[in-house]
């Protein structure tokens, strides 16, 4: 069963974030409107462009998305 991007991202949560992806994960966790079940890049990208004020840059999302896709391919 494929997990959502949100659930993948949650494994990077950290009380003391060490990098931009863990900061993103912490912020997404706090964002109660985040599309938690989404599996599509465009839906997530559109959401973050409009609501992801907590994101340092969309590059962080792109990096996390690429990691997500690579891990899903390996399954």
N, C-alpha and C. Protein backbone atom coordinates (compact mmCIF):
# COMPACT_ATOMS: atom_id res chain seq x y z
N UNK A 1 0.84 -1.18 0.00
CA UNK A 1 0.00 0.00 0.00
C UNK A 1 0.88 1.24 0.00
N UNK A 2 0.60 2.15 -0.89
CA UNK A 2 1.39 3.37 -1.00
C UNK A 2 0.98 4.35 0.10
N UNK A 3 1.97 4.91 0.77
CA UNK A 3 1.68 5.91 1.80
C UNK A 3 1.61 7.28 1.14
N UNK A 4 0.96 8.20 1.80
CA UNK A 4 0.87 9.56 1.28
C UNK A 4 2.20 10.28 1.51
N UNK A 5 2.39 11.36 0.79
CA UNK A 5 3.59 12.18 0.96
C UNK A 5 3.66 12.69 2.40
N UNK A 6 2.53 13.11 2.94
CA UNK A 6 2.51 13.62 4.31
C UNK A 6 3.04 12.58 5.30
N UNK A 7 2.56 11.36 5.19
CA UNK A 7 3.01 10.32 6.12
C UNK A 7 4.49 10.00 5.93
N UNK A 8 4.95 10.07 4.70
CA UNK A 8 6.39 9.91 4.45
C UNK A 8 7.16 11.05 5.12
N UNK A 9 6.69 12.27 4.94
CA UNK A 9 7.37 13.44 5.48
C UNK A 9 7.46 13.40 7.01
N UNK A 10 6.48 12.81 7.65
CA UNK A 10 6.44 12.80 9.11
C UNK A 10 7.61 12.04 9.74
N UNK A 11 8.25 11.17 8.98
CA UNK A 11 9.40 10.47 9.56
C UNK A 11 10.60 11.41 9.75
N UNK A 12 10.53 12.61 9.21
CA UNK A 12 11.61 13.59 9.34
C UNK A 12 11.35 14.61 10.46
N UNK A 13 10.21 14.47 11.15
CA UNK A 13 9.94 15.38 12.26
C UNK A 13 11.02 15.21 13.32
N UNK A 14 11.37 16.33 13.93
CA UNK A 14 12.43 16.31 14.94
C UNK A 14 12.20 17.48 15.88
N UNK A 15 12.25 17.26 17.20
CA UNK A 15 12.06 18.36 18.14
C UNK A 15 13.11 19.46 17.97
N UNK A 16 14.28 19.07 17.49
CA UNK A 16 15.34 20.05 17.22
C UNK A 16 15.75 19.87 15.76
N UNK A 17 14.98 20.48 14.85
CA UNK A 17 15.25 20.26 13.42
C UNK A 17 16.68 20.63 13.04
N UNK A 18 17.28 19.72 12.27
CA UNK A 18 18.68 19.89 11.89
C UNK A 18 18.85 20.36 10.45
N UNK A 19 17.77 20.28 9.67
CA UNK A 19 17.86 20.69 8.27
C UNK A 19 16.52 21.21 7.80
N UNK A 20 16.47 21.66 6.55
CA UNK A 20 15.26 22.28 6.03
C UNK A 20 14.12 21.28 5.88
N UNK A 21 14.42 20.02 5.62
CA UNK A 21 13.35 19.03 5.47
C UNK A 21 12.71 18.72 6.83
N UNK A 22 13.50 18.63 7.88
CA UNK A 22 12.90 18.40 9.19
C UNK A 22 12.10 19.63 9.65
N UNK A 23 12.54 20.83 9.29
CA UNK A 23 11.75 22.04 9.59
C UNK A 23 10.42 21.99 8.83
N UNK A 24 10.48 21.58 7.56
CA UNK A 24 9.28 21.43 6.74
C UNK A 24 8.34 20.40 7.37
N UNK A 25 8.87 19.27 7.78
CA UNK A 25 8.05 18.23 8.39
C UNK A 25 7.36 18.73 9.66
N UNK A 26 8.10 19.43 10.50
CA UNK A 26 7.52 19.98 11.73
C UNK A 26 6.40 20.96 11.41
N UNK A 27 6.63 21.84 10.43
CA UNK A 27 5.63 22.83 10.06
C UNK A 27 4.40 22.19 9.42
N UNK A 28 4.60 21.19 8.56
CA UNK A 28 3.48 20.49 7.93
C UNK A 28 2.63 19.80 9.00
N UNK A 29 3.26 19.27 10.02
CA UNK A 29 2.55 18.63 11.12
C UNK A 29 1.64 19.63 11.84
N UNK A 30 2.12 20.84 11.99
CA UNK A 30 1.35 21.90 12.66
C UNK A 30 0.26 22.48 11.76
N UNK A 31 0.37 22.28 10.45
CA UNK A 31 -0.58 22.81 9.47
C UNK A 31 -1.76 21.84 9.36
N UNK A 32 -2.83 22.15 10.04
CA UNK A 32 -3.98 21.25 10.11
C UNK A 32 -4.75 21.16 8.79
N UNK A 33 -4.46 22.04 7.85
CA UNK A 33 -5.12 22.00 6.54
C UNK A 33 -4.29 21.29 5.49
N UNK A 34 -3.09 20.85 5.84
CA UNK A 34 -2.21 20.18 4.88
C UNK A 34 -2.96 18.99 4.27
N UNK A 35 -2.88 18.82 2.94
CA UNK A 35 -3.58 17.69 2.30
C UNK A 35 -2.91 16.35 2.62
N UNK A 36 -3.24 15.80 3.75
CA UNK A 36 -2.56 14.63 4.30
C UNK A 36 -2.67 13.37 3.45
N UNK A 37 -3.73 13.23 2.70
CA UNK A 37 -3.92 12.02 1.90
C UNK A 37 -3.45 12.14 0.47
N UNK A 38 -2.92 13.29 0.10
CA UNK A 38 -2.57 13.53 -1.30
C UNK A 38 -1.37 12.70 -1.75
N UNK A 39 -1.48 12.22 -2.98
CA UNK A 39 -0.39 11.48 -3.62
C UNK A 39 0.10 12.17 -4.88
N UNK A 40 -0.42 13.38 -5.15
CA UNK A 40 -0.06 14.04 -6.41
C UNK A 40 0.79 15.29 -6.16
N UNK A 41 1.81 15.40 -6.98
CA UNK A 41 2.74 16.53 -6.89
C UNK A 41 1.99 17.86 -7.07
N UNK A 42 1.14 17.93 -8.08
CA UNK A 42 0.49 19.20 -8.41
C UNK A 42 -0.45 19.68 -7.31
N UNK A 43 -1.18 18.76 -6.70
CA UNK A 43 -2.06 19.15 -5.59
C UNK A 43 -1.25 19.71 -4.43
N UNK A 44 -0.18 19.02 -4.08
CA UNK A 44 0.67 19.47 -2.97
C UNK A 44 1.37 20.78 -3.30
N UNK A 45 1.88 20.86 -4.51
CA UNK A 45 2.59 22.07 -4.94
C UNK A 45 1.66 23.29 -4.91
N UNK A 46 0.46 23.13 -5.45
CA UNK A 46 -0.50 24.23 -5.44
C UNK A 46 -0.85 24.64 -4.02
N UNK A 47 -1.06 23.66 -3.15
CA UNK A 47 -1.38 23.96 -1.76
C UNK A 47 -0.24 24.75 -1.11
N UNK A 48 0.97 24.27 -1.28
CA UNK A 48 2.11 24.92 -0.63
C UNK A 48 2.40 26.30 -1.20
N UNK A 49 2.18 26.49 -2.49
CA UNK A 49 2.39 27.81 -3.06
C UNK A 49 1.42 28.84 -2.46
N UNK A 50 0.22 28.39 -2.11
CA UNK A 50 -0.77 29.30 -1.54
C UNK A 50 -0.73 29.36 -0.02
N UNK A 51 -0.30 28.28 0.63
CA UNK A 51 -0.41 28.20 2.09
C UNK A 51 0.90 27.85 2.80
N UNK A 52 1.94 27.59 2.07
CA UNK A 52 3.18 27.13 2.68
C UNK A 52 4.13 28.23 3.07
N UNK A 53 3.59 29.24 3.74
CA UNK A 53 4.42 30.37 4.18
C UNK A 53 5.57 29.92 5.08
N UNK A 54 5.43 28.77 5.68
CA UNK A 54 6.45 28.22 6.58
C UNK A 54 7.61 27.57 5.83
N UNK A 55 7.47 27.39 4.54
CA UNK A 55 8.50 26.74 3.73
C UNK A 55 9.57 27.75 3.35
N UNK A 56 10.83 27.41 3.59
CA UNK A 56 11.93 28.32 3.24
C UNK A 56 11.92 28.61 1.74
N UNK A 57 11.68 27.56 0.97
CA UNK A 57 11.68 27.64 -0.49
C UNK A 57 10.96 26.41 -1.03
N UNK A 58 10.37 26.53 -2.21
CA UNK A 58 9.71 25.37 -2.82
C UNK A 58 10.75 24.31 -3.18
N UNK A 59 12.01 24.67 -3.23
CA UNK A 59 13.07 23.70 -3.50
C UNK A 59 13.08 22.62 -2.41
N UNK A 60 12.77 23.01 -1.19
CA UNK A 60 12.72 22.05 -0.08
C UNK A 60 11.63 21.00 -0.36
N UNK A 61 10.47 21.46 -0.80
CA UNK A 61 9.40 20.53 -1.15
C UNK A 61 9.85 19.62 -2.29
N UNK A 62 10.46 20.19 -3.33
CA UNK A 62 10.92 19.39 -4.46
C UNK A 62 11.92 18.32 -4.04
N UNK A 63 12.83 18.67 -3.15
CA UNK A 63 13.80 17.69 -2.64
C UNK A 63 13.10 16.57 -1.88
N UNK A 64 12.17 16.95 -1.02
CA UNK A 64 11.44 15.94 -0.23
C UNK A 64 10.59 15.07 -1.15
N UNK A 65 9.98 15.67 -2.17
CA UNK A 65 9.17 14.91 -3.12
C UNK A 65 10.03 13.90 -3.88
N UNK A 66 11.22 14.32 -4.32
CA UNK A 66 12.12 13.40 -5.02
C UNK A 66 12.54 12.24 -4.12
N UNK A 67 12.81 12.52 -2.85
CA UNK A 67 13.16 11.46 -1.91
C UNK A 67 11.99 10.49 -1.74
N UNK A 68 10.79 11.03 -1.65
CA UNK A 68 9.58 10.23 -1.53
C UNK A 68 9.42 9.30 -2.73
N UNK A 69 9.58 9.85 -3.94
CA UNK A 69 9.43 9.03 -5.15
C UNK A 69 10.50 7.94 -5.22
N UNK A 70 11.72 8.29 -4.89
CA UNK A 70 12.81 7.31 -4.92
C UNK A 70 12.56 6.17 -3.94
N UNK A 71 12.09 6.50 -2.75
CA UNK A 71 11.82 5.45 -1.77
C UNK A 71 10.64 4.58 -2.20
N UNK A 72 9.64 5.17 -2.81
CA UNK A 72 8.48 4.40 -3.29
C UNK A 72 8.88 3.46 -4.42
N UNK A 73 9.81 3.88 -5.28
CA UNK A 73 10.29 3.05 -6.38
C UNK A 73 11.01 1.81 -5.85
N UNK A 74 11.69 1.95 -4.73
CA UNK A 74 12.46 0.86 -4.17
C UNK A 74 11.60 -0.21 -3.50
N UNK A 75 10.36 0.10 -3.27
CA UNK A 75 9.46 -0.86 -2.60
C UNK A 75 9.00 -1.92 -3.56
